[in-house]
Amino acid sequence: MTSPPDSTEQRYLDELLAAMRGPCEATFPAYPVADTLPELKFPSDTPSAPTPSFLSERFEKEFRTTLLIHHYFLKAPLARNSFEAAFVRAARAGGHDIQKAPEGQRFWDIEMDGQRISLKSTSAKNLRVGSLHISKLCEAAWIQDARSAAHRERNTKRLFAEYTATVDAIIQLRLFTKRAFYEMVRIPTSVLAQVADVPRVEFAPEGPSIGIPVGQDPPDFTLKLDRSDAKVTLARIDKRVCTVEGTWRLAPQTPR
């Protein structure tokens, strides 16, 4: 028979329960939240494109509980690994089949109901309301060895063709720390397919920074090839080409 909690355990239980019931204003701009909508899905990149589906009351409640525990009990934001664990837990609570990416997979993190998803999170101080930033979409060792525009063009377009054929969605959790405001945003991989149309001249610099589509102001996103860290960066992703799936506004924490 399990013994009753001692005073220390009871204190932790009380604090944990208080955290789980802490103030939280949740909104879902794209969809209502209801378990009565089992077929609720993301808008498709194309009419026939398969799309992940997780926005349900069960998913939201499970995910919100994790946010509340981290914020009010642990007093620490969701880091990348914590976000992945929270997402997986919430998705499984919502009845979804979840598989982790195999060791060494560099493009996606989880497979949910057959859909491959890349999970990103950020709490950078310079977050912008109207645009997103992905510091490392993926690593690419060839960036440091590329010495010509033709080489950079060929490898970049090959990489993005593989990426868009492999990944069904990018989900980024953004935390505006001072406001204790979380935002979950979906970036459609169809936007990244526009890399295929970039002319070779744009790859002439050794560390190119290319607004895509070329000539559009503002661009949908800016592609950067970072030679120092051999990585691909996506900067200034216009949030108007993305979908805000949900937001959670918590009470800002006062410094101890």
C-alpha atoms as a PDB file:
ATOM      1  CA  MET A   1       0.000   0.000   0.000  1.00  0.00           C
ATOM      2  CA  THR A   2       1.376   3.409  -0.923  1.00  0.00           C
ATOM      3  CA  SER A   3       2.154   5.575   2.084  1.00  0.00           C
ATOM      4  CA  PRO A   4       0.721   9.105   2.229  1.00  0.00           C
ATOM      5  CA  PRO A   5       3.054  11.903   1.112  1.00  0.00           C
ATOM      6  CA  ASP A   6       5.315  13.437   3.720  1.00  0.00           C
ATOM      7  CA  SER A   7       5.424  17.197   4.237  1.00  0.00           C
ATOM      8  CA  THR A   8       8.047  17.812   1.545  1.00  0.00           C
ATOM      9  CA  GLU A   9       6.243  15.664  -1.011  1.00  0.00           C
ATOM     10  CA  GLN A  10       2.933  17.319  -0.188  1.00  0.00           C
ATOM     11  CA  ARG A  11       4.451  20.772  -0.627  1.00  0.00           C
ATOM     12  CA  TYR A  12       5.731  19.801  -4.066  1.00  0.00           C
ATOM     13  CA  LEU A  13       2.372  18.313  -5.000  1.00  0.00           C
ATOM     14  CA  ASP A  14       0.566  21.473  -3.916  1.00  0.00           C
ATOM     15  CA  GLU A  15       2.980  23.698  -5.848  1.00  0.00           C
ATOM     16  CA  LEU A  16       2.723  21.483  -8.914  1.00  0.00           C
ATOM     17  CA  LEU A  17      -1.073  21.534  -8.872  1.00  0.00           C
ATOM     18  CA  ALA A  18      -1.065  25.314  -8.425  1.00  0.00           C
ATOM     19  CA  ALA A  19       1.257  25.626 -11.432  1.00  0.00           C
ATOM     20  CA  MET A  20      -0.975  23.433 -13.584  1.00  0.00           C
ATOM     21  CA  ARG A  21      -3.879  25.716 -12.715  1.00  0.00           C
ATOM     22  CA  GLY A  22      -1.933  28.935 -13.236  1.00  0.00           C
ATOM     23  CA  PRO A  23      -3.237  31.776 -15.411  1.00  0.00           C
ATOM     24  CA  CYS A  24      -3.067  31.047 -19.136  1.00  0.00           C
ATOM     25  CA  GLU A  25      -4.880  32.685 -22.036  1.00  0.00           C
ATOM     26  CA  ALA A  26      -4.864  30.336 -25.038  1.00  0.00           C
ATOM     27  CA  THR A  27      -6.004  31.264 -28.546  1.00  0.00           C
ATOM     28  CA  PHE A  28      -6.198  29.391 -31.839  1.00  0.00           C
ATOM     29  CA  PRO A  29      -6.442  31.852 -34.747  1.00  0.00           C
ATOM     30  CA  ALA A  30      -6.809  29.248 -37.482  1.00  0.00           C
ATOM     31  CA  TYR A  31      -9.246  26.782 -35.975  1.00  0.00           C
ATOM     32  CA  PRO A  32     -11.676  26.150 -33.114  1.00  0.00           C
ATOM     33  CA  VAL A  33     -10.471  23.685 -30.523  1.00  0.00           C
ATOM     34  CA  ALA A  34     -12.878  20.756 -30.228  1.00  0.00           C
ATOM     35  CA  ASP A  35     -12.671  17.006 -29.829  1.00  0.00           C
ATOM     36  CA  THR A  36     -15.790  16.821 -31.996  1.00  0.00           C
ATOM     37  CA  LEU A  37     -13.630  17.641 -35.040  1.00  0.00           C
ATOM     38  CA  PRO A  38     -11.566  14.448 -35.461  1.00  0.00           C
ATOM     39  CA  GLU A  39     -10.669  15.295 -39.063  1.00  0.00           C
ATOM     40  CA  LEU A  40      -9.251  18.732 -38.206  1.00  0.00           C
ATOM     41  CA  LYS A  41      -6.129  19.271 -40.298  1.00  0.00           C
ATOM     42  CA  PHE A  42      -3.672  21.906 -41.396  1.00  0.00           C
ATOM     43  CA  PRO A  43      -4.432  23.737 -44.635  1.00  0.00           C
ATOM     44  CA  SER A  44      -2.711  21.784 -47.421  1.00  0.00           C
ATOM     45  CA  ASP A  45       0.288  23.158 -49.252  1.00  0.00           C
ATOM     46  CA  THR A  46      -1.427  21.787 -52.357  1.00  0.00           C
ATOM     47  CA  PRO A  47      -4.944  20.362 -52.709  1.00  0.00           C
ATOM     48  CA  SER A  48      -3.638  16.792 -52.636  1.00  0.00           C
ATOM     49  CA  ALA A  49      -0.833  17.259 -50.108  1.00  0.00           C
ATOM     50  CA  PRO A  50      -0.959  15.084 -46.975  1.00  0.00           C
ATOM     51  CA  THR A  51      -1.033  17.242 -43.843  1.00  0.00           C
ATOM     52  CA  PRO A  52      -0.384  16.555 -40.153  1.00  0.00           C
ATOM     53  CA  SER A  53      -3.280  16.851 -37.736  1.00  0.00           C
ATOM     54  CA  PHE A  54      -2.819  17.502 -34.035  1.00  0.00           C
ATOM     55  CA  LEU A  55      -4.843  20.581 -33.135  1.00  0.00           C
ATOM     56  CA  SER A  56      -7.448  19.126 -30.806  1.00  0.00           C
ATOM     57  CA  GLU A  57      -8.645  19.788 -27.287  1.00  0.00           C
ATOM     58  CA  ARG A  58      -6.687  16.807 -25.970  1.00  0.00           C
ATOM     59  CA  PHE A  59      -3.472  17.974 -27.646  1.00  0.00           C
ATOM     60  CA  GLU A  60      -3.893  21.556 -26.424  1.00  0.00           C
ATOM     61  CA  LYS A  61      -4.687  20.609 -22.837  1.00  0.00           C
ATOM     62  CA  GLU A  62      -1.699  18.284 -22.580  1.00  0.00           C
ATOM     63  CA  PHE A  63       0.657  20.790 -24.199  1.00  0.00           C
ATOM     64  CA  ARG A  64      -0.668  23.688 -22.096  1.00  0.00           C
ATOM     65  CA  THR A  65      -0.140  21.689 -18.909  1.00  0.00           C
ATOM     66  CA  THR A  66       3.519  21.168 -19.801  1.00  0.00           C
ATOM     67  CA  LEU A  67       3.933  24.892 -20.512  1.00  0.00           C
ATOM     68  CA  LEU A  68       2.378  25.754 -17.153  1.00  0.00           C
ATOM     69  CA  ILE A  69       4.604  23.329 -15.248  1.00  0.00           C
ATOM     70  CA  HIS A  70       7.731  24.713 -16.887  1.00  0.00           C
ATOM     71  CA  HIS A  71       6.690  28.323 -16.395  1.00  0.00           C
ATOM     72  CA  TYR A  72       5.164  28.404 -12.922  1.00  0.00           C
ATOM     73  CA  PHE A  73       6.732  25.356 -11.233  1.00  0.00           C
ATOM     74  CA  LEU A  74      10.162  24.889 -12.823  1.00  0.00           C
ATOM     75  CA  LYS A  75      10.393  28.587 -13.757  1.00  0.00           C
ATOM     76  CA  ALA A  76      12.239  27.665 -16.939  1.00  0.00           C
ATOM     77  CA  PRO A  77      11.038  27.971 -20.560  1.00  0.00           C
ATOM     78  CA  LEU A  78      10.659  24.986 -22.838  1.00  0.00           C
ATOM     79  CA  ALA A  79      14.066  24.325 -24.380  1.00  0.00           C
ATOM     80  CA  ARG A  80      14.390  22.470 -27.665  1.00  0.00           C
ATOM     81  CA  ASN A  81      14.508  18.967 -26.213  1.00  0.00           C
ATOM     82  CA  SER A  82      11.728  19.837 -23.781  1.00  0.00           C
ATOM     83  CA  PHE A  83       9.588  21.145 -26.634  1.00  0.00           C
ATOM     84  CA  GLU A  84      10.014  17.933 -28.575  1.00  0.00           C
ATOM     85  CA  ALA A  85       9.087  15.867 -25.509  1.00  0.00           C
ATOM     86  CA  ALA A  86       6.061  18.091 -24.821  1.00  0.00           C
ATOM     87  CA  PHE A  87       4.889  17.887 -28.427  1.00  0.00           C
ATOM     88  CA  VAL A  88       5.242  14.101 -28.531  1.00  0.00           C
ATOM     89  CA  ARG A  89       3.423  13.684 -25.222  1.00  0.00           C
ATOM     90  CA  ALA A  90       0.574  15.949 -26.345  1.00  0.00           C
ATOM     91  CA  ALA A  91       0.276  14.233 -29.724  1.00  0.00           C
ATOM     92  CA  ARG A  92       0.127  10.782 -28.136  1.00  0.00           C
ATOM     93  CA  ALA A  93      -2.506  12.043 -25.703  1.00  0.00           C
ATOM     94  CA  GLY A  94      -4.460  13.135 -28.768  1.00  0.00           C
ATOM     95  CA  GLY A  95      -4.374   9.589 -30.125  1.00  0.00           C
ATOM     96  CA  HIS A  96      -1.660  10.036 -32.756  1.00  0.00           C
ATOM     97  CA  ASP A  97       0.961   7.479 -33.741  1.00  0.00           C
ATOM     98  CA  ILE A  98       4.408   8.952 -33.084  1.00  0.00           C
ATOM     99  CA  GLN A  99       7.787   7.656 -34.231  1.00  0.00           C
ATOM    100  CA  LYS A 100      11.108   9.335 -33.477  1.00  0.00           C
ATOM    101  CA  ALA A 101      13.478  10.041 -36.352  1.00  0.00           C
ATOM    102  CA  PRO A 102      16.240   7.447 -36.773  1.00  0.00           C
ATOM    103  CA  GLU A 103      19.720   8.248 -35.509  1.00  0.00           C
ATOM    104  CA  GLY A 104      21.535  10.590 -37.879  1.00  0.00           C
ATOM    105  CA  GLN A 105      18.423  11.978 -39.592  1.00  0.00           C
ATOM    106  CA  ARG A 106      19.179  15.682 -40.122  1.00  0.00           C
ATOM    107  CA  PHE A 107      15.935  16.963 -41.625  1.00  0.00           C
ATOM    108  CA  TRP A 108      13.078  15.878 -39.355  1.00  0.00           C
ATOM    109  CA  ASP A 109      12.526  14.967 -35.721  1.00  0.00           C
ATOM    110  CA  ILE A 110       9.287  12.991 -35.474  1.00  0.00           C
ATOM    111  CA  GLU A 111       6.870  11.151 -37.719  1.00  0.00           C
ATOM    112  CA  MET A 112       3.255  11.665 -36.712  1.00  0.00           C
ATOM    113  CA  ASP A 113       0.615   9.553 -38.426  1.00  0.00           C
ATOM    114  CA  GLY A 114       3.041   9.132 -41.326  1.00  0.00           C
ATOM    115  CA  GLN A 115       3.851  12.847 -41.609  1.00  0.00           C
ATOM    116  CA  ARG A 116       7.445  13.925 -41.006  1.00  0.00           C
ATOM    117  CA  ILE A 117       7.827  17.032 -38.901  1.00  0.00           C
ATOM    118  CA  SER A 118      10.812  19.209 -38.055  1.00  0.00           C
ATOM    119  CA  LEU A 119      10.430  20.736 -34.588  1.00  0.00           C
ATOM    120  CA  LYS A 120      12.142  24.025 -33.796  1.00  0.00           C
ATOM    121  CA  SER A 121      11.991  26.349 -30.813  1.00  0.00           C
ATOM    122  CA  THR A 122      13.450  29.726 -29.940  1.00  0.00           C
ATOM    123  CA  SER A 123      13.411  32.277 -27.150  1.00  0.00           C
ATOM    124  CA  ALA A 124      15.920  34.671 -28.716  1.00  0.00           C
ATOM    125  CA  LYS A 125      15.812  38.226 -27.389  1.00  0.00           C
ATOM    126  CA  ASN A 126      15.456  39.725 -30.866  1.00  0.00           C
ATOM    127  CA  LEU A 127      12.305  37.842 -31.899  1.00  0.00           C
ATOM    128  CA  ARG A 128      10.096  39.797 -34.275  1.00  0.00           C
ATOM    129  CA  VAL A 129       6.325  39.667 -34.253  1.00  0.00           C
ATOM    130  CA  GLY A 130       5.938  39.626 -38.041  1.00  0.00           C
ATOM    131  CA  SER A 131       8.781  37.323 -39.079  1.00  0.00           C
ATOM    132  CA  LEU A 132      10.474  34.101 -38.029  1.00  0.00           C
ATOM    133  CA  HIS A 133      14.095  32.994 -37.918  1.00  0.00           C
ATOM    134  CA  ILE A 134      15.547  29.491 -38.073  1.00  0.00           C
ATOM    135  CA  SER A 135      19.216  29.711 -37.177  1.00  0.00           C
ATOM    136  CA  LYS A 136      19.992  26.172 -38.366  1.00  0.00           C
ATOM    137  CA  LEU A 137      17.633  24.488 -40.789  1.00  0.00           C
ATOM    138  CA  CYS A 138      20.287  21.815 -41.241  1.00  0.00           C
ATOM    139  CA  GLU A 139      24.041  21.345 -41.450  1.00  0.00           C
ATOM    140  CA  ALA A 140      25.797  21.269 -44.818  1.00  0.00           C
ATOM    141  CA  ALA A 141      29.544  20.580 -44.708  1.00  0.00           C
ATOM    142  CA  TRP A 142      29.940  21.350 -48.421  1.00  0.00           C
ATOM    143  CA  ILE A 143      29.289  25.062 -47.768  1.00  0.00           C
ATOM    144  CA  GLN A 144      32.856  25.493 -46.503  1.00  0.00           C
ATOM    145  CA  ASP A 145      34.318  23.825 -49.586  1.00  0.00           C
ATOM    146  CA  ALA A 146      32.178  25.519 -52.243  1.00  0.00           C
ATOM    147  CA  ARG A 147      34.292  27.939 -54.245  1.00  0.00           C
ATOM    148  CA  SER A 148      32.033  28.791 -57.170  1.00  0.00           C
ATOM    149  CA  ALA A 149      28.504  30.026 -57.775  1.00  0.00           C
ATOM    150  CA  ALA A 150      27.782  26.892 -59.810  1.00  0.00           C
ATOM    151  CA  HIS A 151      28.866  24.642 -56.927  1.00  0.00           C
ATOM    152  CA  ARG A 152      26.782  26.553 -54.383  1.00  0.00           C
ATOM    153  CA  GLU A 153      23.760  26.655 -56.675  1.00  0.00           C
ATOM    154  CA  ARG A 154      23.891  22.943 -57.482  1.00  0.00           C
ATOM    155  CA  ASN A 155      24.306  21.780 -53.896  1.00  0.00           C
ATOM    156  CA  THR A 156      21.787  24.231 -52.438  1.00  0.00           C
ATOM    157  CA  LYS A 157      19.067  23.290 -54.906  1.00  0.00           C
ATOM    158  CA  ARG A 158      19.776  19.590 -54.424  1.00  0.00           C
ATOM    159  CA  LEU A 159      19.554  20.004 -50.643  1.00  0.00           C
ATOM    160  CA  PHE A 160      16.245  21.880 -50.762  1.00  0.00           C
ATOM    161  CA  ALA A 161      14.765  19.435 -53.252  1.00  0.00           C
ATOM    162  CA  GLU A 162      15.586  16.619 -50.838  1.00  0.00           C
ATOM    163  CA  TYR A 163      14.342  18.614 -47.851  1.00  0.00           C
ATOM    164  CA  THR A 164      10.970  19.546 -49.337  1.00  0.00           C
ATOM    165  CA  ALA A 165      10.470  15.978 -50.566  1.00  0.00           C
ATOM    166  CA  THR A 166      11.213  14.603 -47.093  1.00  0.00           C
ATOM    167  CA  VAL A 167       9.688  17.053 -44.612  1.00  0.00           C
ATOM    168  CA  ASP A 168       5.930  17.618 -44.437  1.00  0.00           C
ATOM    169  CA  ALA A 169       5.953  20.503 -41.967  1.00  0.00           C
ATOM    170  CA  ILE A 170       8.173  22.714 -39.829  1.00  0.00           C
ATOM    171  CA  ILE A 171       6.667  23.598 -36.473  1.00  0.00           C
ATOM    172  CA  GLN A 172       8.369  26.350 -34.476  1.00  0.00           C
ATOM    173  CA  LEU A 173       7.536  27.254 -30.889  1.00  0.00           C
ATOM    174  CA  ARG A 174       8.449  30.868 -30.184  1.00  0.00           C
ATOM    175  CA  LEU A 175       8.721  32.372 -26.698  1.00  0.00           C
ATOM    176  CA  PHE A 176       8.613  36.126 -26.220  1.00  0.00           C
ATOM    177  CA  THR A 177      10.214  35.956 -22.786  1.00  0.00           C
ATOM    178  CA  LYS A 178       9.353  39.364 -21.332  1.00  0.00           C
ATOM    179  CA  ARG A 179       5.681  38.925 -22.171  1.00  0.00           C
ATOM    180  CA  ALA A 180       5.623  35.201 -21.287  1.00  0.00           C
ATOM    181  CA  PHE A 181       3.944  34.658 -24.637  1.00  0.00           C
ATOM    182  CA  TYR A 182       4.284  31.382 -26.544  1.00  0.00           C
ATOM    183  CA  GLU A 183       3.374  31.074 -30.211  1.00  0.00           C
ATOM    184  CA  MET A 184       3.282  27.857 -32.253  1.00  0.00           C
ATOM    185  CA  VAL A 185       3.746  28.520 -35.969  1.00  0.00           C
ATOM    186  CA  ARG A 186       3.704  26.219 -38.979  1.00  0.00           C
ATOM    187  CA  ILE A 187       6.041  27.015 -41.887  1.00  0.00           C
ATOM    188  CA  PRO A 188       4.856  25.278 -45.074  1.00  0.00           C
ATOM    189  CA  THR A 189       7.632  23.454 -46.905  1.00  0.00           C
ATOM    190  CA  SER A 190       6.102  24.561 -50.203  1.00  0.00           C
ATOM    191  CA  VAL A 191       7.554  28.024 -49.520  1.00  0.00           C
ATOM    192  CA  LEU A 192      11.067  26.547 -49.445  1.00  0.00           C
ATOM    193  CA  ALA A 193      10.575  24.908 -52.844  1.00  0.00           C
ATOM    194  CA  GLN A 194      11.060  28.375 -54.366  1.00  0.00           C
ATOM    195  CA  VAL A 195      14.815  27.903 -53.940  1.00  0.00           C
ATOM    196  CA  ALA A 196      14.695  25.923 -57.198  1.00  0.00           C
ATOM    197  CA  ASP A 197      13.948  29.151 -59.097  1.00  0.00           C
ATOM    198  CA  VAL A 198      16.882  31.216 -57.788  1.00  0.00           C
ATOM    199  CA  PRO A 199      19.255  32.231 -60.624  1.00  0.00           C
ATOM    200  CA  ARG A 200      22.922  31.257 -60.380  1.00  0.00           C
ATOM    201  CA  VAL A 201      24.143  34.850 -60.073  1.00  0.00           C
ATOM    202  CA  GLU A 202      22.597  35.047 -56.592  1.00  0.00           C
ATOM    203  CA  PHE A 203      25.025  32.357 -55.413  1.00  0.00           C
ATOM    204  CA  ALA A 204      28.117  34.332 -56.466  1.00  0.00           C
ATOM    205  CA  PRO A 205      29.079  35.567 -52.951  1.00  0.00           C
ATOM    206  CA  GLU A 206      30.928  33.038 -50.781  1.00  0.00           C
ATOM    207  CA  GLY A 207      28.344  33.514 -48.047  1.00  0.00           C
ATOM    208  CA  PRO A 208      25.218  34.388 -50.013  1.00  0.00           C
ATOM    209  CA  SER A 209      22.145  35.964 -48.423  1.00  0.00           C
ATOM    210  CA  ILE A 210      19.271  35.657 -50.893  1.00  0.00           C
ATOM    211  CA  GLY A 211      15.778  37.068 -50.561  1.00  0.00           C
ATOM    212  CA  ILE A 212      13.319  34.586 -52.073  1.00  0.00           C
ATOM    213  CA  PRO A 213      11.501  35.030 -54.373  1.00  0.00           C
ATOM    214  CA  VAL A 214      14.281  37.127 -55.882  1.00  0.00           C
ATOM    215  CA  GLY A 215      13.082  40.678 -56.496  1.00  0.00           C
ATOM    216  CA  GLN A 216      10.053  40.484 -54.204  1.00  0.00           C
ATOM    217  CA  ASP A 217       9.894  43.100 -51.430  1.00  0.00           C
ATOM    218  CA  PRO A 218       9.547  41.867 -48.807  1.00  0.00           C
ATOM    219  CA  PRO A 219      10.609  38.326 -49.727  1.00  0.00           C
ATOM    220  CA  ASP A 220       8.898  35.262 -48.312  1.00  0.00           C
ATOM    221  CA  PHE A 221      12.188  34.399 -46.609  1.00  0.00           C
ATOM    222  CA  THR A 222      15.929  34.999 -46.827  1.00  0.00           C
ATOM    223  CA  LEU A 223      18.262  32.060 -47.445  1.00  0.00           C
ATOM    224  CA  LYS A 224      21.729  32.263 -45.917  1.00  0.00           C
ATOM    225  CA  LEU A 225      24.631  29.865 -46.373  1.00  0.00           C
ATOM    226  CA  ASP A 226      26.788  30.207 -43.267  1.00  0.00           C
ATOM    227  CA  ARG A 227      30.372  29.234 -44.102  1.00  0.00           C
ATOM    228  CA  SER A 228      31.709  29.661 -40.567  1.00  0.00           C
ATOM    229  CA  ASP A 229      29.340  27.062 -39.097  1.00  0.00           C
ATOM    230  CA  ALA A 230      28.564  25.104 -42.289  1.00  0.00           C
ATOM    231  CA  LYS A 231      24.828  25.498 -41.834  1.00  0.00           C
ATOM    232  CA  VAL A 232      21.762  26.696 -43.708  1.00  0.00           C
ATOM    233  CA  THR A 233      19.866  29.572 -42.102  1.00  0.00           C
ATOM    234  CA  LEU A 234      16.385  30.858 -42.899  1.00  0.00           C
ATOM    235  CA  ALA A 235      15.959  34.494 -41.887  1.00  0.00           C
ATOM    236  CA  ARG A 236      13.087  36.980 -42.010  1.00  0.00           C
ATOM    237  CA  ILE A 237      10.461  34.351 -42.827  1.00  0.00           C
ATOM    238  CA  ASP A 238       7.328  36.375 -43.502  1.00  0.00           C
ATOM    239  CA  LYS A 239       4.697  35.196 -41.034  1.00  0.00           C
ATOM    240  CA  ARG A 240       2.031  35.923 -43.636  1.00  0.00           C
ATOM    241  CA  VAL A 241       3.133  32.786 -45.520  1.00  0.00           C
ATOM    242  CA  CYS A 242       2.898  30.739 -42.306  1.00  0.00           C
ATOM    243  CA  THR A 243       0.053  29.623 -40.070  1.00  0.00           C
ATOM    244  CA  VAL A 244      -0.192  30.505 -36.385  1.00  0.00           C
ATOM    245  CA  GLU A 245      -1.622  27.323 -34.897  1.00  0.00           C
ATOM    246  CA  GLY A 246      -1.915  28.466 -31.298  1.00  0.00           C
ATOM    247  CA  THR A 247      -0.759  30.958 -28.691  1.00  0.00           C
ATOM    248  CA  TRP A 248      -0.435  30.799 -24.914  1.00  0.00           C
ATOM    249  CA  ARG A 249      -0.111  33.955 -22.820  1.00  0.00           C
ATOM    250  CA  LEU A 250       1.093  33.317 -19.264  1.00  0.00           C
ATOM    251  CA  ALA A 251       1.761  35.673 -16.368  1.00  0.00           C
ATOM    252  CA  PRO A 252       5.284  37.166 -16.544  1.00  0.00           C
ATOM    253  CA  GLN A 253       7.558  35.917 -13.787  1.00  0.00           C
ATOM    254  CA  THR A 254       9.135  38.407 -11.400  1.00  0.00           C
ATOM    255  CA  PRO A 255      12.864  37.885 -10.702  1.00  0.00           C
ATOM    256  CA  ARG A 256      13.616  36.099  -7.453  1.00  0.00           C
END
